[in-house]
């Protein structure tokens, strides 16, 4: 098993590098930097430090081919959403749209979730309010900060997915 490491830059904690065996790529982090997982809260804009398993890879089949990876994959549909309502029993879970409580759509026009890896943050067990929808996904132009996720250029994310193995983890370092 390999531990892939995300280390924030010293001069700007909203950016960092993801490294692993013979792999390095720039990444964007939360707009408020990185925080110890136990202090993170829903909507704080911080990437939670910690070590997380890779749960599943989603891809948008009208824009992307299925990624080459050992991880479980699933094509997105317009009905996929992710619950971010901490009062809902479905909090931090994949949901089917339409869905009443607060959620985000996984089928996005901005292409950030054309290729997205669900990280095992706050899911075993789910703690209401500790944060939801912490993903590894496609970065915005210029590596603009995320709302708490880790984001990479699409080509780097594809290279990463070819190398990652089932059982590997992602460690976000708090500096």
Protein backbone atom coordinates (compact mmCIF):
# COMPACT_ATOMS: atom_id res chain seq x y z
CA UNK A 1 0.00 0.00 0.00
CA UNK A 2 1.20 3.45 -0.92
CA UNK A 3 0.51 6.65 0.98
CA UNK A 4 0.17 9.50 -1.50
CA UNK A 5 1.00 12.81 0.17
CA UNK A 6 -0.45 16.29 -0.27
CA UNK A 7 1.85 18.94 1.17
CA UNK A 8 0.76 22.61 1.23
CA UNK A 9 3.22 25.17 -0.11
CA UNK A 10 4.97 27.16 2.64
CA UNK A 11 4.18 30.51 1.04
CA UNK A 12 0.53 29.78 0.13
CA UNK A 13 -1.37 27.04 1.97
CA UNK A 14 -4.10 27.16 -0.68
CA UNK A 15 -1.70 25.42 -3.07
CA UNK A 16 0.42 22.34 -2.72
CA UNK A 17 1.90 19.25 -4.29
CA UNK A 18 0.64 15.68 -4.45
CA UNK A 19 3.53 13.21 -4.43
CA UNK A 20 3.94 9.48 -4.59
CA UNK A 21 6.22 6.91 -6.21
CA UNK A 22 7.72 8.58 -9.29
CA UNK A 23 4.86 11.10 -9.29
CA UNK A 24 4.51 14.77 -8.45
CA UNK A 25 1.84 17.25 -9.44
CA UNK A 26 0.69 20.69 -8.36
CA UNK A 27 -2.63 20.90 -6.63
CA UNK A 28 -5.10 23.46 -5.36
CA UNK A 29 -6.36 23.23 -1.78
CA UNK A 30 -9.10 24.93 0.24
CA UNK A 31 -9.52 28.70 -0.02
CA UNK A 32 -8.80 28.90 3.72
CA UNK A 33 -5.85 26.47 3.62
CA UNK A 34 -5.58 23.22 5.57
CA UNK A 35 -7.00 22.45 9.03
CA UNK A 36 -6.73 19.53 11.45
CA UNK A 37 -9.63 17.23 10.59
CA UNK A 38 -11.22 17.36 14.05
CA UNK A 39 -11.54 21.17 13.82
CA UNK A 40 -13.02 21.27 10.33
CA UNK A 41 -16.64 22.27 9.86
CA UNK A 42 -19.10 22.15 7.00
CA UNK A 43 -18.55 25.10 4.66
CA UNK A 44 -15.34 26.39 6.29
CA UNK A 45 -13.40 26.36 2.99
CA UNK A 46 -10.55 24.38 4.55
CA UNK A 47 -9.02 21.14 3.35
CA UNK A 48 -9.03 18.65 6.24
CA UNK A 49 -5.63 17.20 7.16
CA UNK A 50 -5.62 13.44 7.64
CA UNK A 51 -5.20 10.14 5.84
CA UNK A 52 -8.06 9.02 3.63
CA UNK A 53 -8.86 5.93 1.57
CA UNK A 54 -10.00 6.28 -2.03
CA UNK A 55 -13.66 5.25 -2.19
CA UNK A 56 -14.72 5.59 -5.84
CA UNK A 57 -13.95 7.41 -9.07
CA UNK A 58 -16.75 9.10 -10.97
CA UNK A 59 -16.40 10.39 -14.51
CA UNK A 60 -18.67 12.26 -16.85
CA UNK A 61 -19.14 9.87 -19.81
CA UNK A 62 -20.26 12.54 -22.29
CA UNK A 63 -16.87 14.29 -21.82
CA UNK A 64 -14.47 11.63 -20.55
CA UNK A 65 -13.59 8.02 -21.21
CA UNK A 66 -13.59 5.73 -18.21
CA UNK A 67 -10.25 6.26 -16.47
CA UNK A 68 -7.67 3.50 -16.43
CA UNK A 69 -7.38 2.67 -12.73
CA UNK A 70 -7.60 -0.15 -10.19
CA UNK A 71 -10.10 1.90 -8.19
CA UNK A 72 -13.83 1.34 -8.53
CA UNK A 73 -15.34 3.59 -11.21
CA UNK A 74 -18.84 4.73 -12.06
CA UNK A 75 -20.16 7.02 -14.80
CA UNK A 76 -21.94 10.12 -13.54
CA UNK A 77 -25.49 10.93 -14.56
CA UNK A 78 -27.42 14.21 -14.26
CA UNK A 79 -29.26 12.62 -11.30
CA UNK A 80 -26.13 12.32 -9.12
CA UNK A 81 -25.82 14.69 -6.19
CA UNK A 82 -23.96 14.84 -2.87
CA UNK A 83 -25.78 15.80 0.34
CA UNK A 84 -24.17 18.64 2.32
CA UNK A 85 -27.09 19.23 4.72
CA UNK A 86 -25.76 18.23 8.14
CA UNK A 87 -29.32 17.74 9.45
CA UNK A 88 -30.13 15.13 6.79
CA UNK A 89 -29.70 11.40 7.39
CA UNK A 90 -28.05 11.36 3.94
CA UNK A 91 -25.34 13.88 4.98
CA UNK A 92 -22.03 13.30 3.17
CA UNK A 93 -23.55 10.67 0.92
CA UNK A 94 -24.24 10.26 -2.78
CA UNK A 95 -27.91 11.04 -3.43
CA UNK A 96 -30.28 10.84 -6.37
CA UNK A 97 -31.70 14.12 -7.70
CA UNK A 98 -34.16 15.66 -7.28
CA UNK A 99 -33.32 15.76 -3.58
CA UNK A 100 -34.90 18.13 -1.06
CA UNK A 101 -32.14 18.84 1.48
CA UNK A 102 -29.09 20.94 0.57
CA UNK A 103 -26.77 19.21 -1.90
CA UNK A 104 -24.37 19.82 -4.71
CA UNK A 105 -24.80 18.54 -8.22
CA UNK A 106 -22.15 16.13 -9.41
CA UNK A 107 -23.02 16.75 -13.09
CA UNK A 108 -21.41 20.19 -13.40
CA UNK A 109 -21.07 22.53 -16.33
CA UNK A 110 -17.66 23.85 -15.18
CA UNK A 111 -15.95 20.44 -15.73
CA UNK A 112 -14.49 20.25 -12.20
CA UNK A 113 -16.20 16.90 -11.63
CA UNK A 114 -15.64 15.47 -15.11
CA UNK A 115 -13.21 13.24 -13.23
CA UNK A 116 -13.65 13.07 -9.44
CA UNK A 117 -12.37 10.74 -6.70
CA UNK A 118 -14.41 10.39 -3.51
CA UNK A 119 -12.12 10.45 -0.47
CA UNK A 120 -13.04 8.57 2.69
CA UNK A 121 -13.36 11.72 4.79
CA UNK A 122 -16.05 11.74 7.50
CA UNK A 123 -17.79 8.66 6.17
CA UNK A 124 -17.05 5.85 8.63
CA UNK A 125 -18.94 6.95 10.65
CA UNK A 126 -20.45 10.16 9.32
CA UNK A 127 -20.36 12.95 11.93
CA UNK A 128 -22.90 15.71 11.16
CA UNK A 129 -21.17 19.03 10.50
CA UNK A 130 -17.61 17.64 10.26
CA UNK A 131 -17.50 18.23 6.50
CA UNK A 132 -18.84 16.68 3.34
CA UNK A 133 -17.93 16.20 -0.30
CA UNK A 134 -14.17 16.14 0.18
CA UNK A 135 -12.97 15.00 -3.22
CA UNK A 136 -9.90 14.85 -5.44
CA UNK A 137 -11.06 16.53 -8.66
CA UNK A 138 -10.09 18.62 -11.69
CA UNK A 139 -8.55 22.01 -10.84
CA UNK A 140 -9.80 25.38 -11.99
CA UNK A 141 -7.60 27.37 -14.33
CA UNK A 142 -4.65 28.84 -12.47
CA UNK A 143 -5.14 26.40 -9.57
CA UNK A 144 -7.71 28.65 -7.95
CA UNK A 145 -8.54 27.42 -4.42
CA UNK A 146 -11.28 24.89 -3.74
CA UNK A 147 -13.99 24.82 -1.08
CA UNK A 148 -11.99 22.16 0.80
CA UNK A 149 -11.10 19.56 -1.82
CA UNK A 150 -7.77 18.72 -3.46
CA UNK A 151 -7.72 19.56 -7.18
CA UNK A 152 -5.22 18.79 -9.96
CA UNK A 153 -4.92 19.36 -13.69
CA UNK A 154 -6.96 16.74 -15.56
CA UNK A 155 -3.94 15.13 -17.24
CA UNK A 156 -2.13 14.83 -13.89
CA UNK A 157 -5.26 13.33 -12.32
CA UNK A 158 -5.45 10.75 -15.11
CA UNK A 159 -1.74 9.87 -14.62
CA UNK A 160 -2.33 9.57 -10.88
CA UNK A 161 -5.32 7.25 -11.40
CA UNK A 162 -3.23 4.96 -13.62
CA UNK A 163 -0.69 4.58 -10.79
CA UNK A 164 -2.87 4.41 -7.66
CA UNK A 165 -3.72 0.95 -6.34
CA UNK A 166 -6.64 -0.38 -4.36
CA UNK A 167 -5.75 0.01 -0.67
CA UNK A 168 -3.63 3.14 -1.21
CA UNK A 169 -4.42 6.26 0.81
CA UNK A 170 -4.14 10.03 0.47
CA UNK A 171 -2.46 11.89 3.33
CA UNK A 172 -3.08 15.64 3.57
CA UNK A 173 -0.32 17.14 5.71
CA UNK A 174 -0.91 20.00 8.14
CA UNK A 175 2.17 22.24 8.10
